[in-house]
Protein backbone atom coordinates (compact mmCIF):
# COMPACT_ATOMS: atom_id res chain seq x y z
CA UNK A 1 -60.56 -83.42 -41.04
CA UNK A 2 -57.97 -81.39 -42.69
CA UNK A 3 -54.86 -79.61 -40.52
CA UNK A 4 -55.81 -76.22 -39.40
CA UNK A 5 -59.64 -76.65 -39.25
CA UNK A 6 -60.25 -77.40 -35.65
CA UNK A 7 -60.87 -74.67 -33.29
CA UNK A 8 -57.56 -75.75 -31.39
CA UNK A 9 -55.79 -75.06 -34.76
CA UNK A 10 -57.27 -71.65 -35.14
CA UNK A 11 -56.56 -70.77 -31.56
CA UNK A 12 -53.04 -71.55 -32.05
CA UNK A 13 -52.85 -69.61 -35.18
CA UNK A 14 -54.26 -66.68 -33.25
CA UNK A 15 -51.47 -66.90 -30.49
CA UNK A 16 -48.89 -67.33 -33.15
CA UNK A 17 -49.93 -63.88 -34.63
CA UNK A 18 -49.77 -62.39 -31.04
CA UNK A 19 -46.30 -63.59 -30.78
CA UNK A 20 -46.46 -66.46 -28.29
CA UNK A 21 -43.29 -68.15 -28.21
CA UNK A 22 -44.42 -71.22 -25.96
CA UNK A 23 -47.31 -72.77 -24.25
CA UNK A 24 -47.25 -73.97 -20.79
CA UNK A 25 -49.26 -76.43 -19.33
CA UNK A 26 -49.98 -80.23 -18.37
CA UNK A 27 -52.13 -82.26 -20.86
CA UNK A 28 -54.66 -83.18 -21.76
CA UNK A 29 -55.44 -79.95 -23.88
CA UNK A 30 -55.55 -80.18 -27.59
CA UNK A 31 -54.03 -76.77 -27.76
CA UNK A 32 -50.42 -78.14 -26.89
CA UNK A 33 -50.79 -80.08 -30.01
CA UNK A 34 -51.86 -77.62 -32.31
CA UNK A 35 -49.46 -75.09 -31.20
CA UNK A 36 -46.72 -77.44 -31.65
CA UNK A 37 -47.60 -78.08 -35.27
CA UNK A 38 -46.76 -74.11 -35.55
CA UNK A 39 -43.56 -74.30 -33.90
CA UNK A 40 -44.91 -72.79 -30.71
CA UNK A 41 -42.85 -74.60 -28.02
CA UNK A 42 -44.79 -77.01 -25.39
CA UNK A 43 -43.54 -76.57 -21.72
CA UNK A 44 -45.13 -79.60 -20.03
CA UNK A 45 -44.69 -79.03 -16.20
CA UNK A 46 -45.14 -81.55 -13.55
CA UNK A 47 -47.75 -79.75 -12.04
CA UNK A 48 -50.47 -77.12 -13.38
CA UNK A 49 -49.64 -74.71 -10.53
CA UNK A 50 -46.12 -74.46 -11.79
CA UNK A 51 -47.43 -73.99 -15.40
CA UNK A 52 -49.21 -71.04 -14.40
CA UNK A 53 -46.31 -69.60 -12.47
CA UNK A 54 -44.10 -69.91 -15.24
CA UNK A 55 -46.53 -67.79 -17.33
CA UNK A 56 -46.81 -65.44 -14.54
CA UNK A 57 -43.00 -64.90 -14.08
CA UNK A 58 -42.68 -64.47 -18.07
CA UNK A 59 -45.49 -61.81 -17.96
CA UNK A 60 -43.83 -60.01 -14.99
CA UNK A 61 -40.31 -60.11 -16.63
CA UNK A 62 -41.62 -58.67 -19.89
CA UNK A 63 -44.01 -55.97 -18.25
CA UNK A 64 -46.82 -57.90 -20.07
CA UNK A 65 -45.68 -56.69 -23.42
CA UNK A 66 -45.28 -60.33 -24.60
CA UNK A 67 -47.90 -63.20 -24.28
CA UNK A 68 -47.34 -66.65 -22.56
CA UNK A 69 -50.43 -68.68 -22.60
CA UNK A 70 -51.07 -71.44 -20.14
CA UNK A 71 -53.46 -74.40 -20.56
CA UNK A 72 -54.72 -77.10 -18.62
CA UNK A 73 -57.21 -80.14 -18.86
CA UNK A 74 -60.71 -79.59 -18.06
CA UNK A 75 -61.87 -80.81 -14.55
CA UNK A 76 -58.81 -81.85 -12.24
CA UNK A 77 -56.38 -79.68 -14.36
CA UNK A 78 -58.54 -76.50 -13.72
CA UNK A 79 -58.96 -77.40 -10.15
CA UNK A 80 -55.02 -78.06 -9.52
CA UNK A 81 -54.10 -74.61 -11.07
CA UNK A 82 -56.41 -72.40 -8.82
CA UNK A 83 -53.57 -71.35 -6.34
CA UNK A 84 -51.28 -70.15 -8.82
CA UNK A 85 -54.06 -68.19 -10.60
CA UNK A 86 -55.23 -66.65 -7.28
CA UNK A 87 -51.53 -65.45 -6.89
CA UNK A 88 -51.50 -64.01 -10.12
CA UNK A 89 -54.73 -62.12 -9.70
CA UNK A 90 -53.74 -60.79 -6.28
CA UNK A 91 -50.75 -59.15 -8.11
CA UNK A 92 -52.55 -58.22 -11.05
CA UNK A 93 -50.17 -60.31 -13.37
CA UNK A 94 -51.46 -60.30 -16.90
CA UNK A 95 -51.81 -64.26 -17.61
CA UNK A 96 -53.74 -65.76 -20.51
CA UNK A 97 -55.48 -69.20 -19.38
CA UNK A 98 -56.91 -71.29 -21.70
CA UNK A 99 -58.07 -74.43 -19.88
CA UNK A 100 -60.43 -77.03 -21.36
CA UNK A 101 -63.93 -77.45 -20.21
CA UNK A 102 -66.14 -80.35 -20.02
CA UNK A 103 -68.01 -81.43 -23.07
CA UNK A 104 -71.28 -79.06 -23.48
CA UNK A 105 -73.39 -82.10 -22.45
CA UNK A 106 -71.50 -82.54 -19.23
CA UNK A 107 -71.07 -79.14 -17.55
CA UNK A 108 -73.59 -79.65 -14.89
CA UNK A 109 -72.72 -80.28 -11.20
CA UNK A 110 -70.70 -81.86 -9.56
CA UNK A 111 -68.29 -81.21 -12.77
CA UNK A 112 -66.73 -78.00 -11.93
CA UNK A 113 -66.85 -75.20 -14.52
CA UNK A 114 -63.68 -73.15 -14.94
CA UNK A 115 -65.58 -69.81 -15.79
CA UNK A 116 -67.51 -70.18 -12.52
CA UNK A 117 -64.58 -71.38 -10.44
CA UNK A 118 -62.23 -68.76 -11.50
CA UNK A 119 -64.40 -65.66 -11.62
CA UNK A 120 -63.31 -64.24 -8.47
CA UNK A 121 -59.62 -64.60 -9.52
CA UNK A 122 -59.40 -63.26 -13.10
CA UNK A 123 -60.33 -59.91 -14.66
CA UNK A 124 -62.11 -61.75 -17.66
CA UNK A 125 -63.65 -65.19 -17.59
CA UNK A 126 -65.71 -66.81 -20.53
CA UNK A 127 -66.68 -70.09 -21.65
CA UNK A 128 -66.61 -71.17 -25.51
CA UNK A 129 -69.52 -73.47 -25.99
CA UNK A 130 -69.92 -72.33 -29.69
CA UNK A 131 -67.17 -72.25 -32.31
CA UNK A 132 -68.86 -69.44 -33.93
CA UNK A 133 -68.53 -67.28 -30.74
CA UNK A 134 -64.93 -68.21 -30.26
CA UNK A 135 -63.23 -65.23 -32.19
CA UNK A 136 -65.24 -62.66 -30.41
CA UNK A 137 -64.48 -64.15 -26.89
CA UNK A 138 -60.70 -64.27 -27.71
CA UNK A 139 -60.86 -60.85 -29.10
CA UNK A 140 -62.30 -59.47 -25.78
CA UNK A 141 -59.86 -61.54 -23.82
CA UNK A 142 -56.90 -60.27 -25.55
CA UNK A 143 -57.80 -56.71 -25.28
CA UNK A 144 -58.15 -57.25 -21.47
CA UNK A 145 -54.66 -58.93 -21.42
CA UNK A 146 -52.60 -56.79 -23.70
CA UNK A 147 -54.16 -53.42 -23.92
CA UNK A 148 -55.37 -52.92 -20.18
CA UNK A 149 -53.05 -55.41 -18.30
CA UNK A 150 -55.18 -55.60 -15.18
CA UNK A 151 -54.85 -59.32 -14.44
CA UNK A 152 -55.36 -62.71 -15.40
CA UNK A 153 -57.87 -63.59 -18.16
CA UNK A 154 -59.30 -66.95 -19.04
CA UNK A 155 -61.09 -68.50 -21.91
CA UNK A 156 -62.14 -71.97 -20.94
CA UNK A 157 -62.98 -74.03 -24.18
CA UNK A 158 -65.38 -76.95 -24.22
CA UNK A 159 -63.60 -80.40 -25.20
CA UNK A 160 -65.82 -81.07 -27.90
CA UNK A 161 -65.95 -77.63 -29.42
CA UNK A 162 -61.85 -77.42 -29.13
CA UNK A 163 -61.59 -80.53 -31.07
CA UNK A 164 -64.26 -79.78 -33.37
CA UNK A 165 -64.56 -77.81 -36.70
CA UNK A 166 -63.64 -73.98 -36.27
CA UNK A 167 -65.32 -72.72 -39.48
CA UNK A 168 -63.83 -69.85 -41.46
CA UNK A 169 -65.11 -66.47 -40.54
CA UNK A 170 -63.95 -64.15 -38.00
CA UNK A 171 -60.87 -65.53 -36.81
CA UNK A 172 -58.50 -62.67 -37.91
CA UNK A 173 -58.81 -61.12 -34.40
CA UNK A 174 -56.04 -59.29 -32.82
CA UNK A 175 -55.43 -57.46 -29.45
CA UNK A 176 -54.58 -54.04 -30.87
CA UNK A 177 -51.97 -51.45 -29.30
CA UNK A 178 -52.13 -50.53 -25.87
CA UNK A 179 -53.92 -47.32 -24.92
CA UNK A 180 -52.19 -44.83 -22.39
CA UNK A 181 -53.66 -41.73 -20.93
CA UNK A 182 -52.34 -38.57 -19.37
CA UNK A 183 -53.68 -36.91 -16.29
CA UNK A 184 -55.71 -33.79 -15.91
CA UNK A 185 -53.47 -30.84 -16.10
CA UNK A 186 -54.82 -29.47 -12.93
CA UNK A 187 -54.34 -32.66 -11.03
CA UNK A 188 -50.65 -32.61 -12.29
CA UNK A 189 -50.23 -28.95 -10.93
CA UNK A 190 -51.76 -29.99 -7.59
CA UNK A 191 -49.67 -32.98 -7.19
CA UNK A 192 -46.53 -31.04 -7.96
CA UNK A 193 -47.64 -28.29 -5.24
CA UNK A 194 -48.08 -30.99 -2.55
CA UNK A 195 -44.58 -32.15 -3.13
CA UNK A 196 -43.14 -28.61 -3.19
CA UNK A 197 -45.06 -27.68 -0.02
CA UNK A 198 -44.00 -30.75 1.83
CA UNK A 199 -41.18 -30.61 4.51
CA UNK A 200 -40.55 -34.25 4.32
CA UNK A 201 -42.33 -36.04 1.39
CA UNK A 202 -41.73 -39.66 0.49
CA UNK A 203 -42.50 -41.29 -3.05
CA UNK A 204 -43.94 -45.02 -2.61
CA UNK A 205 -43.25 -46.62 -5.96
CA UNK A 206 -45.43 -49.73 -7.17
CA UNK A 207 -45.39 -52.36 -9.94
CA UNK A 208 -47.25 -49.60 -12.01
CA UNK A 209 -43.81 -47.90 -12.63
CA UNK A 210 -42.59 -51.45 -13.78
CA UNK A 211 -45.36 -52.23 -16.16
CA UNK A 212 -45.19 -48.56 -17.44
CA UNK A 213 -41.52 -48.71 -18.04
CA UNK A 214 -41.17 -45.32 -15.85
CA UNK A 215 -38.10 -45.85 -13.80
CA UNK A 216 -36.03 -43.20 -15.65
CA UNK A 217 -38.91 -40.66 -14.98
CA UNK A 218 -39.20 -41.54 -11.40
CA UNK A 219 -35.46 -41.27 -10.74
CA UNK A 220 -35.74 -37.98 -12.62
CA UNK A 221 -38.69 -36.62 -10.47
CA UNK A 222 -37.14 -37.71 -7.13
CA UNK A 223 -33.94 -35.93 -7.99
CA UNK A 224 -35.46 -32.75 -9.26
CA UNK A 225 -37.64 -32.35 -6.33
CA UNK A 226 -35.43 -34.06 -3.43
CA UNK A 227 -37.67 -36.69 -2.61
CA UNK A 228 -36.65 -39.91 -1.25
CA UNK A 229 -38.32 -43.21 -2.80
CA UNK A 230 -39.34 -46.29 -1.25
CA UNK A 231 -41.03 -49.13 -3.22
CA UNK A 232 -43.78 -51.85 -2.36
CA UNK A 233 -42.91 -55.38 -2.45
CA UNK A 234 -44.17 -55.83 -5.84
CA UNK A 235 -42.45 -52.72 -7.09
CA UNK A 236 -39.06 -53.68 -5.70
CA UNK A 237 -36.62 -52.75 -8.55
CA UNK A 238 -38.79 -49.89 -9.82
CA UNK A 239 -36.38 -47.54 -8.31
CA UNK A 240 -32.39 -48.44 -8.14
CA UNK A 241 -31.79 -49.24 -4.59
CA UNK A 242 -28.15 -48.02 -4.81
CA UNK A 243 -29.42 -44.41 -5.51
CA UNK A 244 -28.81 -41.87 -2.98
CA UNK A 245 -32.42 -41.39 -2.20
CA UNK A 246 -33.44 -44.98 -2.22
CA UNK A 247 -35.12 -46.08 0.89
CA UNK A 248 -35.64 -49.80 0.08
CA UNK A 249 -38.65 -51.98 -0.06
CA UNK A 250 -41.69 -51.09 2.26
CA UNK A 251 -42.64 -54.67 3.13
CA UNK A 252 -43.40 -56.56 6.13
CA UNK A 253 -39.63 -56.76 6.75
CA UNK A 254 -37.74 -53.57 5.56
CA UNK A 255 -34.78 -51.32 6.31
CA UNK A 256 -34.82 -48.90 8.79
CA UNK A 257 -34.74 -46.10 6.13
CA UNK A 258 -38.44 -47.00 5.45
CA UNK A 259 -39.86 -46.68 8.78
CA UNK A 260 -37.69 -43.71 9.57
CA UNK A 261 -38.93 -41.63 6.48
CA UNK A 262 -42.30 -42.96 6.24
CA UNK A 263 -42.67 -42.43 9.89
CA UNK A 264 -41.90 -38.81 9.71
CA UNK A 265 -43.31 -37.85 6.31
CA UNK A 266 -45.91 -35.28 6.02
CA UNK A 267 -46.96 -36.09 2.56
CA UNK A 268 -46.66 -39.44 0.77
CA UNK A 269 -47.18 -39.63 -2.96
CA UNK A 270 -47.90 -43.34 -4.34
CA UNK A 271 -46.75 -43.88 -8.13
CA UNK A 272 -48.22 -47.11 -9.45
CA UNK A 273 -49.57 -48.43 -6.37
CA UNK A 274 -53.13 -49.10 -5.09
CA UNK A 275 -52.11 -48.36 -1.24
CA UNK A 276 -53.90 -51.77 -0.64
CA UNK A 277 -53.50 -52.75 3.10
CA UNK A 278 -51.68 -56.08 3.52
CA UNK A 279 -49.55 -57.83 6.21
CA UNK A 280 -46.82 -57.69 3.32
CA UNK A 281 -46.92 -53.93 3.03
CA UNK A 282 -45.68 -51.36 5.63
CA UNK A 283 -48.46 -49.29 7.07
CA UNK A 284 -48.59 -45.85 5.92
CA UNK A 285 -48.70 -42.89 8.41
CA UNK A 286 -51.78 -41.93 9.49
CA UNK A 287 -50.83 -38.34 10.09
CA UNK A 288 -49.48 -37.89 6.34
CA UNK A 289 -51.47 -36.37 3.38
CA UNK A 290 -51.46 -39.09 0.69
CA UNK A 291 -51.78 -38.82 -2.88
CA UNK A 292 -51.57 -41.20 -5.91
CA UNK A 293 -51.02 -41.49 -9.40
CA UNK A 294 -52.71 -44.65 -10.79
CA UNK A 295 -53.68 -45.85 -14.25
CA UNK A 296 -56.99 -47.29 -12.87
CA UNK A 297 -59.38 -44.87 -11.06
CA UNK A 298 -60.59 -47.69 -9.01
CA UNK A 299 -57.43 -48.01 -7.33
CA UNK A 300 -57.90 -44.36 -5.63
CA UNK A 301 -58.25 -44.55 -2.06
CA UNK A 302 -58.45 -48.38 -1.73
CA UNK A 303 -56.76 -48.71 1.36
CA UNK A 304 -56.35 -45.22 2.61
CA UNK A 305 -57.96 -41.97 2.08
CA UNK A 306 -56.31 -39.85 -0.60
CA UNK A 307 -56.19 -36.11 -0.72
CA UNK A 308 -54.71 -35.69 -4.31
CA UNK A 309 -53.79 -37.56 -7.07
CA UNK A 310 -53.57 -38.28 -10.83
CA UNK A 311 -55.20 -40.78 -13.28
CA UNK A 312 -53.03 -42.00 -15.82
CA UNK A 313 -50.29 -44.06 -17.01
CA UNK A 314 -47.21 -43.69 -14.50
CA UNK A 315 -44.63 -42.85 -17.26
CA UNK A 316 -47.02 -40.46 -19.18
CA UNK A 317 -47.87 -38.67 -16.01
CA UNK A 318 -44.35 -38.52 -14.57
CA UNK A 319 -43.20 -36.98 -17.86
CA UNK A 320 -46.15 -34.37 -17.28
CA UNK A 321 -44.72 -33.44 -14.06
CA UNK A 322 -41.07 -33.31 -15.39
CA UNK A 323 -42.07 -30.75 -18.28
CA UNK A 324 -44.22 -28.74 -15.57
CA UNK A 325 -40.97 -28.54 -13.52
CA UNK A 326 -38.71 -27.51 -16.29
CA UNK A 327 -35.18 -28.20 -17.01
CA UNK A 328 -33.87 -25.79 -14.47
CA UNK A 329 -35.86 -26.90 -11.47
CA UNK A 330 -33.70 -27.28 -8.38
CA UNK A 331 -34.71 -29.36 -5.22
CA UNK A 332 -35.41 -27.21 -2.35
CA UNK A 333 -33.95 -30.10 -0.05
CA UNK A 334 -31.51 -33.02 -0.15
CA UNK A 335 -32.43 -35.92 2.16
CA UNK A 336 -29.53 -37.84 0.52
CA UNK A 337 -27.01 -37.28 3.70
CA UNK A 338 -29.60 -38.46 6.26
CA UNK A 339 -30.90 -41.50 4.10
CA UNK A 340 -26.98 -42.50 4.04
CA UNK A 341 -26.63 -42.13 7.63
CA UNK A 342 -29.81 -44.01 8.42
CA UNK A 343 -28.97 -46.88 5.97
CA UNK A 344 -25.30 -47.00 7.21
CA UNK A 345 -26.51 -47.48 10.77
CA UNK A 346 -29.01 -50.05 9.65
CA UNK A 347 -26.35 -52.21 7.99
CA UNK A 348 -23.86 -51.87 10.55
CA UNK A 349 -26.06 -53.37 13.03
CA UNK A 350 -26.96 -56.14 10.66
CA UNK A 351 -23.81 -56.85 9.32
CA UNK A 352 -22.71 -59.54 11.92
CA UNK A 353 -25.61 -61.78 10.59
CA UNK A 354 -24.82 -60.69 7.01
CA UNK A 355 -21.12 -61.89 7.32
CA UNK A 356 -21.90 -64.60 9.92
CA UNK A 357 -19.13 -67.40 9.88
CA UNK A 358 -21.70 -69.78 11.92
CA UNK A 359 -22.43 -73.12 10.88
CA UNK A 360 -25.06 -74.05 10.12
CA UNK A 361 -24.99 -70.96 7.82
CA UNK A 362 -27.14 -67.81 8.54
CA UNK A 363 -29.72 -67.16 5.80
CA UNK A 364 -28.78 -63.72 5.93
CA UNK A 365 -25.21 -64.67 4.78
CA UNK A 366 -26.66 -66.44 1.93
CA UNK A 367 -28.22 -63.11 0.73
CA UNK A 368 -25.16 -61.19 1.29
CA UNK A 369 -22.80 -63.61 -0.69
CA UNK A 370 -25.15 -64.00 -3.42
CA UNK A 371 -24.98 -60.10 -4.18
CA UNK A 372 -21.29 -60.44 -4.09
CA UNK A 373 -21.26 -63.48 -6.45
CA UNK A 374 -23.39 -62.38 -9.22
CA UNK A 375 -23.49 -59.31 -11.68
CA UNK A 376 -26.67 -57.87 -10.28
CA UNK A 377 -27.10 -55.92 -13.55
CA UNK A 378 -27.54 -58.96 -15.17
CA UNK A 379 -29.39 -61.08 -12.71
CA UNK A 380 -33.32 -61.53 -11.88
CA UNK A 381 -33.92 -62.79 -8.32
CA UNK A 382 -37.02 -63.86 -6.60
CA UNK A 383 -37.78 -64.85 -2.95
CA UNK A 384 -40.48 -67.56 -1.95
CA UNK A 385 -42.84 -67.04 0.49
CA UNK A 386 -42.28 -67.13 4.47
CA UNK A 387 -38.89 -66.60 6.17
CA UNK A 388 -36.89 -66.44 2.66
CA UNK A 389 -38.73 -63.51 1.44
CA UNK A 390 -38.68 -61.62 5.06
CA UNK A 391 -34.78 -62.10 5.15
CA UNK A 392 -33.97 -61.54 1.67
CA UNK A 393 -36.10 -58.42 0.61
CA UNK A 394 -34.58 -55.74 3.17
CA UNK A 395 -31.00 -56.58 2.08
CA UNK A 396 -30.76 -57.75 -1.34
CA UNK A 397 -30.05 -54.51 -3.40
CA UNK A 398 -31.42 -54.56 -6.72
CA UNK A 399 -30.11 -52.21 -9.56
CA UNK A 400 -32.04 -52.60 -12.67
CA UNK A 401 -35.86 -52.74 -13.26
CA UNK A 402 -37.11 -56.36 -13.02
CA UNK A 403 -33.77 -57.52 -11.61
CA UNK A 404 -35.80 -58.67 -8.67
CA UNK A 405 -39.46 -60.14 -8.97
CA UNK A 406 -41.23 -59.31 -5.77
CA UNK A 407 -44.72 -60.60 -4.94
CA UNK A 408 -46.72 -61.37 -2.01
CA UNK A 409 -50.17 -60.33 -1.70
CA UNK A 410 -51.05 -63.97 -1.79
CA UNK A 411 -48.02 -66.32 -0.68
CA UNK A 412 -48.49 -69.74 -1.86
CA UNK A 413 -45.24 -71.70 -0.77
CA UNK A 414 -43.30 -72.71 -3.95
CA UNK A 415 -44.54 -70.01 -6.33
CA UNK A 416 -40.85 -68.47 -6.77
CA UNK A 417 -39.56 -71.82 -8.77
CA UNK A 418 -42.15 -71.32 -11.87
CA UNK A 419 -41.56 -67.56 -11.46
CA UNK A 420 -37.95 -67.87 -12.14
CA UNK A 421 -38.57 -70.33 -15.06
CA UNK A 422 -40.79 -67.81 -16.45
CA UNK A 423 -38.29 -65.03 -16.15
CA UNK A 424 -35.48 -67.08 -17.53
CA UNK A 425 -37.75 -67.67 -20.74
CA UNK A 426 -38.32 -63.88 -20.84
CA UNK A 427 -34.67 -62.93 -20.39
CA UNK A 428 -32.32 -65.60 -21.58
CA UNK A 429 -29.31 -63.04 -21.15
CA UNK A 430 -30.01 -62.98 -17.43
CA UNK A 431 -29.14 -65.44 -14.61
CA UNK A 432 -32.36 -66.29 -12.73
CA UNK A 433 -32.26 -67.15 -9.37
CA UNK A 434 -34.75 -68.69 -7.07
CA UNK A 435 -34.25 -68.64 -3.37
CA UNK A 436 -36.57 -71.12 -1.25
CA UNK A 437 -36.96 -72.75 1.97
CA UNK A 438 -37.14 -76.47 2.48
CA UNK A 439 -40.89 -76.21 3.00
CA UNK A 440 -41.63 -74.39 -0.31
CA UNK A 441 -39.29 -77.03 -2.12
CA UNK A 442 -41.48 -79.78 -0.65
CA UNK A 443 -44.31 -78.04 -2.80
CA UNK A 444 -42.81 -77.81 -6.28
CA UNK A 445 -39.37 -79.44 -6.10
CA UNK A 446 -40.44 -82.06 -8.72
CA UNK A 447 -40.62 -79.26 -11.35
CA UNK A 448 -36.93 -78.82 -11.10
CA UNK A 449 -36.86 -81.76 -13.58
CA UNK A 450 -39.07 -79.40 -15.83
CA UNK A 451 -36.58 -76.90 -15.96
CA UNK A 452 -33.95 -79.59 -16.72
CA UNK A 453 -35.88 -81.31 -19.42
CA UNK A 454 -36.99 -78.20 -21.24
CA UNK A 455 -33.84 -76.59 -21.30
CA UNK A 456 -34.56 -73.84 -18.75
CA UNK A 457 -31.39 -73.04 -17.05
CA UNK A 458 -32.24 -71.48 -13.71
CA UNK A 459 -30.37 -71.42 -10.16
CA UNK A 460 -32.15 -72.46 -7.08
CA UNK A 461 -30.96 -71.96 -3.74
CA UNK A 462 -32.71 -73.93 -0.86
CA UNK A 463 -32.11 -73.00 2.45
CA UNK A 464 -32.31 -76.07 4.48
CA UNK A 465 -32.95 -75.54 8.23
CA UNK A 466 -34.90 -78.67 8.97
CA UNK A 467 -38.09 -76.98 9.90
CA UNK A 468 -40.83 -74.79 9.03
CA UNK A 469 -39.36 -71.34 10.32
CA UNK A 470 -41.62 -69.27 12.17
CA UNK A 471 -44.62 -71.69 12.42
CA UNK A 472 -43.86 -72.73 16.16
CA UNK A 473 -45.73 -69.63 17.42
CA UNK A 474 -48.88 -70.87 15.79
CA UNK A 475 -48.66 -74.32 17.25
CA UNK A 476 -46.74 -74.34 20.12
CA UNK A 477 -47.98 -77.66 21.77
CA UNK A 478 -47.64 -79.47 18.40
CA UNK A 479 -44.04 -78.13 18.56
CA UNK A 480 -43.40 -79.14 21.99
CA UNK A 481 -45.02 -82.60 22.02
CA UNK A 482 -44.58 -83.82 18.40
CA UNK A 483 -41.81 -81.66 16.76
CA UNK A 484 -44.59 -80.72 14.31
CA UNK A 485 -42.37 -78.19 12.44
CA UNK A 486 -39.44 -80.55 11.98
CA UNK A 487 -38.66 -81.47 8.23
CA UNK A 488 -35.93 -83.59 6.74
CA UNK A 489 -34.49 -84.25 3.14
CA UNK A 490 -31.39 -84.27 1.27
CA UNK A 491 -32.54 -81.76 -1.57
CA UNK A 492 -29.14 -81.74 -3.35
CA UNK A 493 -29.61 -85.47 -3.83
CA UNK A 494 -33.05 -85.09 -5.21
CA UNK A 495 -31.84 -82.38 -7.56
CA UNK A 496 -29.06 -84.63 -8.87
CA UNK A 497 -31.50 -87.34 -9.35
CA UNK A 498 -33.73 -84.93 -11.43
CA UNK A 499 -30.82 -83.96 -13.52
CA UNK A 500 -29.64 -80.74 -12.13
CA UNK A 501 -26.13 -79.89 -11.09
CA UNK A 502 -26.13 -79.83 -7.53
CA UNK A 503 -23.99 -78.86 -4.59
CA UNK A 504 -24.64 -78.87 -0.87
CA UNK A 505 -22.77 -76.37 1.44
CA UNK A 506 -22.62 -76.41 5.20
CA UNK A 507 -19.67 -74.03 5.86
CA UNK A 508 -19.92 -70.31 5.44
CA UNK A 509 -16.42 -69.88 3.98
CA UNK A 510 -17.54 -72.12 0.98
CA UNK A 511 -20.66 -70.48 0.04
CA UNK A 512 -19.67 -67.68 -2.19
CA UNK A 513 -17.49 -69.82 -4.25
CA UNK A 514 -20.25 -72.58 -4.46
CA UNK A 515 -22.90 -69.80 -5.73
CA UNK A 516 -20.25 -68.85 -8.38
CA UNK A 517 -19.91 -72.58 -9.61
CA UNK A 518 -23.67 -72.89 -9.71
CA UNK A 519 -23.87 -69.75 -11.80
CA UNK A 520 -21.39 -70.97 -14.30
CA UNK A 521 -23.30 -74.32 -14.43
CA UNK A 522 -26.35 -72.12 -15.52
CA UNK A 523 -24.41 -70.17 -17.80
CA UNK A 524 -23.30 -73.41 -19.55
CA UNK A 525 -26.91 -74.28 -19.97
CA UNK A 526 -27.51 -76.46 -16.96
CA UNK A 527 -29.96 -76.01 -14.29
CA UNK A 528 -28.34 -75.91 -10.90
CA UNK A 529 -29.41 -76.35 -7.32
CA UNK A 530 -27.49 -75.22 -4.36
CA UNK A 531 -28.63 -76.71 -0.97
CA UNK A 532 -27.56 -74.62 1.99
CA UNK A 533 -27.52 -75.82 5.29
CA UNK A 534 -28.88 -72.96 7.42
CA UNK A 535 -29.92 -72.33 11.03
CA UNK A 536 -33.19 -70.53 12.06
CA UNK A 537 -32.92 -67.01 12.32
CA UNK A 538 -36.08 -65.80 14.24
CA UNK A 539 -35.04 -62.22 14.24
CA UNK A 540 -36.29 -60.24 11.35
CA UNK A 541 -35.47 -56.76 10.06
CA UNK A 542 -38.76 -54.73 11.11
CA UNK A 543 -37.19 -51.28 10.15
CA UNK A 544 -37.37 -49.92 13.70
CA UNK A 545 -33.52 -49.94 14.14
CA UNK A 546 -33.84 -52.03 17.23
């Protein structure tokens, strides 16, 4: 059969037209080879889960504007990728999944079908069992991926169809431009009225601000109405955290500014957030009047009752509000001095940990020294799940949109490594930093070799305290009798064996310089791993000032 006549070849041509720069995955999937023939780079990972995380990180770092397909083998490959797709689904990350599927004659149980298994964790899922239907299925999938951007989409292609003849008709499909909508003018007027009439309003900004590219508009609205701004965990970096009106991130752990201003708020306006209730989101005050600006009307009132709101793209709606305010509008209040006082008091209480000289090193010192060692305007950082996330989020001050990839409505350990690789592929001009614990490294650590082999220079900081922090309360007898929370390992040695530049630091005084050397290694094109010997810090910043 001539080159370019297989279904896999046609799909690869379609991806090329859509601007795909790479395909991440783990063989066997014929699409990897067909894409390579067109110059689309294959990134073969050690695990399917990390392949999906790479595509996820790329989508986040580009606000879904560039495409990063992910492929897996039918059967076991599909099964192994599920956790990462569930993570992307919970955060609505626009990832294109093209797994193989069993041959058409072998799709009955006990064989697992991707479309059926993934339906709960995708926004669109379909199976191509007929080559003639493939163009229409991909057209629909690309529309959901590129135009709507509401989460992962999946097109499973039967193995015998993927490797079979494509035919000629219908393969000129394309995603088309993204469609944006404005809000009803009456809703805009009401939202402005609610902000103006409030004594202590707060804006809670979510990842919808990032996907809309609306940070400038959000800053302008906050300044012209005198409204302080917090962000959700997924929305961290949507508002510059060095701004006088920045409250920080309203996550499970958070600065005192969040609890103080949210707790006293009489109006809370969510912008680009669904108000979903979650362990990793600060509860909203029951006494406040709530409103939302969301692109999807299904997000209205999902976690709390809302009294007002707008349906429309965050950037478009914020511009409507700014136009209605007029250029001469002056805020009736200035909460910035109070924000500064509360923030200063919070940092003063935590400074002994942030600057601690203790050995093993405090994880809070890792965050503090990282901020001092890198140019945060040219850095993208992500956390991993568990205590690393809880310790980093309240204190890492992000300055630019997507300077931080926050995630966490689903929290698989190890997710941050792949997200960081995806972010580096999307933004090679930025230092990409992944901070994880030793338990998370155990989940995905071998994929450090993927970063080395594929030339994706990132910095991974492993905080090694020799245990699963925070789990002792869930299994106290197992801990007391068997030390079930203890772990061990020389992760710098593992990283070196996998080809990375590595260092191991146990003294706080050496930490900042070590971060700097690792960052320089990354700038020279090497993947770096810094193992920091830390102690357990059971106390977390819960925002109450205690």
